[in-house]
Protein backbone atom coordinates (compact mmCIF):
# COMPACT_ATOMS: atom_id res chain seq x y z
CA UNK A 1 -1.35 169.60 -194.89
CA UNK A 2 0.39 171.64 -196.93
CA UNK A 3 3.80 171.02 -198.10
CA UNK A 4 5.31 174.18 -196.17
CA UNK A 5 3.72 172.24 -192.69
CA UNK A 6 4.92 168.88 -193.83
CA UNK A 7 8.59 170.19 -194.19
CA UNK A 8 8.42 171.60 -190.29
CA UNK A 9 7.07 168.68 -189.05
CA UNK A 10 9.60 166.84 -190.58
CA UNK A 11 12.46 168.91 -189.32
CA UNK A 12 11.03 169.22 -186.04
CA UNK A 13 11.67 165.21 -185.72
CA UNK A 14 15.23 165.16 -187.16
CA UNK A 15 15.92 168.27 -184.73
CA UNK A 16 14.42 165.96 -181.71
CA UNK A 17 16.52 162.92 -183.14
CA UNK A 18 20.33 165.20 -182.85
CA UNK A 19 19.47 166.82 -180.07
CA UNK A 20 19.21 163.76 -178.55
CA UNK A 21 22.18 162.36 -180.12
CA UNK A 22 24.13 165.50 -178.90
CA UNK A 23 22.91 165.29 -175.47
CA UNK A 24 24.48 161.55 -175.71
CA UNK A 25 27.72 162.48 -177.10
CA UNK A 26 28.16 165.61 -174.67
CA UNK A 27 28.33 163.18 -172.04
CA UNK A 28 32.31 161.84 -173.56
CA UNK A 29 33.78 164.83 -172.23
CA UNK A 30 33.00 164.15 -168.74
CA UNK A 31 35.18 161.20 -168.30
CA UNK A 32 37.90 163.73 -168.43
CA UNK A 33 37.28 164.96 -164.94
CA UNK A 34 38.62 168.24 -165.51
CA UNK A 35 37.95 172.10 -166.74
CA UNK A 36 38.16 170.69 -170.67
CA UNK A 37 35.37 167.88 -170.23
CA UNK A 38 33.18 169.86 -167.96
CA UNK A 39 33.48 172.51 -170.37
CA UNK A 40 32.56 170.60 -173.50
CA UNK A 41 29.66 168.79 -171.51
CA UNK A 42 28.50 172.26 -170.57
CA UNK A 43 28.37 173.46 -174.02
CA UNK A 44 26.85 169.99 -175.48
CA UNK A 45 23.85 169.81 -172.97
CA UNK A 46 23.26 173.50 -173.86
CA UNK A 47 23.02 172.74 -177.77
CA UNK A 48 21.24 170.10 -177.34
CA UNK A 49 18.35 170.88 -175.10
CA UNK A 50 18.47 174.20 -177.29
CA UNK A 51 17.98 171.61 -180.39
CA UNK A 52 15.16 170.10 -178.88
CA UNK A 53 13.29 173.54 -178.13
CA UNK A 54 13.86 174.52 -181.43
CA UNK A 55 12.24 171.14 -182.49
CA UNK A 56 8.95 172.24 -180.83
CA UNK A 57 8.89 175.43 -181.78
CA UNK A 58 9.27 174.40 -185.34
CA UNK A 59 6.25 172.39 -185.22
CA UNK A 60 4.41 174.89 -183.43
CA UNK A 61 5.65 177.60 -186.29
CA UNK A 62 6.92 180.25 -182.79
CA UNK A 63 10.82 181.08 -182.56
CA UNK A 64 11.75 182.09 -186.40
CA UNK A 65 14.79 183.38 -184.83
CA UNK A 66 15.54 181.13 -182.58
CA UNK A 67 15.18 178.33 -184.62
CA UNK A 68 17.56 179.91 -187.59
CA UNK A 69 20.17 180.33 -185.13
CA UNK A 70 20.11 176.68 -183.83
CA UNK A 71 19.89 175.57 -187.64
CA UNK A 72 23.52 178.25 -187.72
CA UNK A 73 25.00 176.03 -184.88
CA UNK A 74 24.06 172.85 -185.96
CA UNK A 75 26.18 173.12 -188.59
CA UNK A 76 29.41 172.23 -186.23
CA UNK A 77 27.62 168.84 -185.19
CA UNK A 78 29.64 166.78 -188.22
CA UNK A 79 27.83 165.01 -190.50
CA UNK A 80 24.15 165.07 -189.73
CA UNK A 81 23.82 168.42 -187.73
CA UNK A 82 25.36 169.65 -190.81
CA UNK A 83 22.92 168.28 -192.96
CA UNK A 84 19.65 169.29 -190.71
CA UNK A 85 21.26 172.69 -190.27
CA UNK A 86 21.32 173.41 -193.55
CA UNK A 87 17.81 171.94 -194.54
CA UNK A 88 16.53 174.04 -191.77
CA UNK A 89 17.87 177.20 -193.34
CA UNK A 90 16.45 176.28 -196.64
CA UNK A 91 13.02 175.60 -195.17
CA UNK A 92 13.02 178.55 -193.47
CA UNK A 93 14.12 180.69 -196.12
CA UNK A 94 10.67 179.91 -198.21
CA UNK A 95 7.85 182.25 -198.45
CA UNK A 96 5.54 179.86 -197.49
CA UNK A 97 6.99 179.13 -194.32
CA UNK A 98 7.17 182.23 -193.42
CA UNK A 99 3.85 183.24 -194.09
CA UNK A 100 3.02 180.29 -191.40
CA UNK A 101 5.09 182.35 -189.32
CA UNK A 102 4.70 185.54 -189.44
CA UNK A 103 1.63 185.83 -191.78
CA UNK A 104 0.63 187.25 -195.20
CA UNK A 105 1.01 190.54 -194.33
CA UNK A 106 3.89 191.03 -192.44
CA UNK A 107 6.46 189.13 -195.18
CA UNK A 108 9.05 191.90 -196.98
CA UNK A 109 9.77 190.71 -200.52
């Protein structure tokens, strides 16, 4: 396993952890039992499920742009989501990672 594969595997684990945390903390707005609480609950659960899916795809080297988009959305979840989001963006920007996703001949320099 090379460095790019190890980085993606570690990021995948972090995405699972952050996804679980977001899913748990998005339950708190339901205590208000109004439209505001329901809206934040649905947005939080959508982000949590998307983060978990992105974690699975990082491990399988698919969904490059989906993982990139979720990394940006994770940046609003302070402070851990911001760290994981920025690390994901940095790792996905590497040429070695792009070769895992797209193959060596489809990379634009």
